[in-house]
């Protein structure tokens, strides 16, 4: 999915069509309400039971305590779409836009893990080049 969004951004930018991926944090909505009607879960797979139980417990303990205000999120998304508010003078918004303090933390941690992985395996990664290969422009436009 992320790769498709990144490709879409590259393909539509020359036509002034902007693509953004909103990375949502936790917002205080009724989605985690344990009294909310739910579909009957499919057959339980024993190997996943521990994970399912942990997630169910986490949902129950965080319901009503999520840091994000959904009304504020909607306003920020409208600002992004219409380039208003904080974005009124910004013509170059990033592909990924975090909404919620926890989303910022998650994005930062993921980027740091990715950069650490690149640094750790850089010699290995570059070992596939032809010895005489010089610098060539990347297909990826930054």
Protein backbone atom coordinates (compact mmCIF):
# COMPACT_ATOMS: atom_id res chain seq x y z
CA UNK A 1 0.00 0.00 0.00
CA UNK A 2 2.71 2.49 0.95
CA UNK A 3 4.62 1.78 -2.23
CA UNK A 4 1.49 2.43 -4.27
CA UNK A 5 0.94 5.78 -2.53
CA UNK A 6 4.57 6.75 -3.11
CA UNK A 7 4.26 5.87 -6.81
CA UNK A 8 0.99 7.77 -7.08
CA UNK A 9 2.67 10.85 -5.60
CA UNK A 10 5.49 10.67 -8.16
CA UNK A 11 3.12 10.09 -11.09
CA UNK A 12 0.60 12.82 -10.29
CA UNK A 13 2.93 15.61 -9.10
CA UNK A 14 3.69 16.87 -12.65
CA UNK A 15 -0.05 17.50 -13.06
CA UNK A 16 -0.29 19.48 -9.80
CA UNK A 17 -2.25 16.66 -8.20
CA UNK A 18 -1.06 16.24 -4.64
CA UNK A 19 -0.98 12.98 -2.76
CA UNK A 20 -0.77 12.72 1.01
CA UNK A 21 -0.88 9.84 3.42
CA UNK A 22 -2.41 10.82 6.74
CA UNK A 23 -0.79 8.80 9.53
CA UNK A 24 -3.39 8.71 12.27
CA UNK A 25 -2.69 8.35 15.92
CA UNK A 26 -5.30 7.20 18.43
CA UNK A 27 -8.44 9.32 18.46
CA UNK A 28 -11.16 9.26 21.08
CA UNK A 29 -14.00 7.67 19.12
CA UNK A 30 -16.41 4.86 20.03
CA UNK A 31 -14.52 2.34 17.90
CA UNK A 32 -12.94 0.67 20.97
CA UNK A 33 -16.12 0.73 23.07
CA UNK A 34 -16.49 -2.84 24.36
CA UNK A 35 -20.31 -2.48 24.34
CA UNK A 36 -20.34 -1.59 20.63
CA UNK A 37 -22.02 -4.30 18.54
CA UNK A 38 -19.47 -6.42 16.69
CA UNK A 39 -19.61 -9.13 14.13
CA UNK A 40 -19.01 -12.62 15.38
CA UNK A 41 -15.28 -13.21 15.08
CA UNK A 42 -14.12 -15.89 12.69
CA UNK A 43 -12.79 -19.18 13.99
CA UNK A 44 -10.08 -18.51 16.54
CA UNK A 45 -6.62 -19.69 15.60
CA UNK A 46 -4.91 -20.90 18.75
CA UNK A 47 -1.50 -19.53 17.73
CA UNK A 48 -2.99 -16.01 17.60
CA UNK A 49 -4.96 -16.19 20.83
CA UNK A 50 -2.28 -14.54 22.99
CA UNK A 51 -1.98 -11.62 20.56
CA UNK A 52 -5.77 -11.32 20.31
CA UNK A 53 -6.13 -11.29 24.09
CA UNK A 54 -3.39 -8.66 24.49
CA UNK A 55 -4.98 -6.43 21.86
CA UNK A 56 -8.44 -6.82 23.39
CA UNK A 57 -7.01 -5.88 26.80
CA UNK A 58 -5.18 -2.87 25.34
CA UNK A 59 -8.36 -1.68 23.61
CA UNK A 60 -10.35 -1.98 26.81
CA UNK A 61 -7.74 -0.12 28.86
CA UNK A 62 -7.32 2.73 26.36
CA UNK A 63 -10.97 3.27 25.38
CA UNK A 64 -11.95 6.83 26.26
CA UNK A 65 -8.34 7.78 27.01
CA UNK A 66 -7.00 8.19 23.47
CA UNK A 67 -5.09 11.48 23.19
CA UNK A 68 -6.51 12.60 19.85
CA UNK A 69 -9.55 14.82 19.41
CA UNK A 70 -11.40 13.63 16.27
CA UNK A 71 -12.98 17.06 15.67
CA UNK A 72 -9.53 18.65 15.60
CA UNK A 73 -8.30 15.94 13.23
CA UNK A 74 -11.12 16.67 10.79
CA UNK A 75 -10.29 20.39 10.89
CA UNK A 76 -6.62 19.65 10.21
CA UNK A 77 -7.47 17.37 7.28
CA UNK A 78 -9.64 20.14 5.80
CA UNK A 79 -6.74 22.57 6.27
CA UNK A 80 -4.48 20.14 4.38
CA UNK A 81 -6.96 19.70 1.52
CA UNK A 82 -7.75 23.40 1.15
CA UNK A 83 -4.26 24.66 2.12
CA UNK A 84 -5.66 26.73 4.97
CA UNK A 85 -4.54 27.46 8.51
CA UNK A 86 -1.02 26.20 9.12
CA UNK A 87 -0.75 25.18 5.46
CA UNK A 88 -1.94 28.39 3.79
CA UNK A 89 1.52 29.34 2.56
CA UNK A 90 2.98 25.86 2.18
CA UNK A 91 2.94 24.53 -1.37
CA UNK A 92 5.12 21.51 -0.64
CA UNK A 93 3.50 19.34 1.99
CA UNK A 94 5.12 16.01 2.73
CA UNK A 95 3.70 12.74 1.50
CA UNK A 96 3.22 11.50 5.07
CA UNK A 97 1.48 13.84 7.50
CA UNK A 98 1.09 12.71 11.11
CA UNK A 99 -2.07 13.56 13.03
CA UNK A 100 -1.72 12.98 16.73
CA UNK A 101 1.23 13.16 19.09
CA UNK A 102 1.45 9.38 19.19
CA UNK A 103 1.54 9.25 15.38
CA UNK A 104 4.54 11.60 15.41
CA UNK A 105 6.31 9.30 17.87
CA UNK A 106 5.54 6.20 15.79
CA UNK A 107 6.72 7.83 12.55
CA UNK A 108 9.93 9.07 14.17
CA UNK A 109 10.71 5.65 15.67
CA UNK A 110 10.08 3.91 12.33
CA UNK A 111 12.35 6.33 10.48
CA UNK A 112 15.10 5.87 13.08
CA UNK A 113 14.82 2.06 12.80
CA UNK A 114 14.95 2.28 9.01
CA UNK A 115 18.03 4.55 9.05
CA UNK A 116 19.75 2.30 11.59
CA UNK A 117 19.09 -0.71 9.35
CA UNK A 118 20.48 1.09 6.31
CA UNK A 119 23.62 2.09 8.22
CA UNK A 120 24.11 -1.39 9.67
CA UNK A 121 23.90 -3.13 6.31
CA UNK A 122 25.21 -0.42 3.99
CA UNK A 123 28.38 -2.31 2.98
CA UNK A 124 26.38 -5.47 2.30
CA UNK A 125 23.75 -3.52 0.33
CA UNK A 126 26.32 -1.78 -1.84
CA UNK A 127 28.25 -5.01 -2.48
CA UNK A 128 26.01 -5.89 -5.42
CA UNK A 129 27.33 -3.09 -7.66
CA UNK A 130 29.69 -3.70 -10.56
CA UNK A 131 33.20 -2.62 -9.52
CA UNK A 132 33.43 -0.12 -12.38
CA UNK A 133 29.98 1.34 -11.81
CA UNK A 134 30.02 5.06 -11.20
CA UNK A 135 27.38 7.35 -9.89
CA UNK A 136 24.18 7.25 -11.90
CA UNK A 137 21.04 9.22 -11.23
CA UNK A 138 18.48 7.33 -9.18
CA UNK A 139 15.04 6.52 -10.54
CA UNK A 140 13.69 7.75 -7.23
CA UNK A 141 13.14 11.50 -7.41
CA UNK A 142 13.68 13.14 -4.05
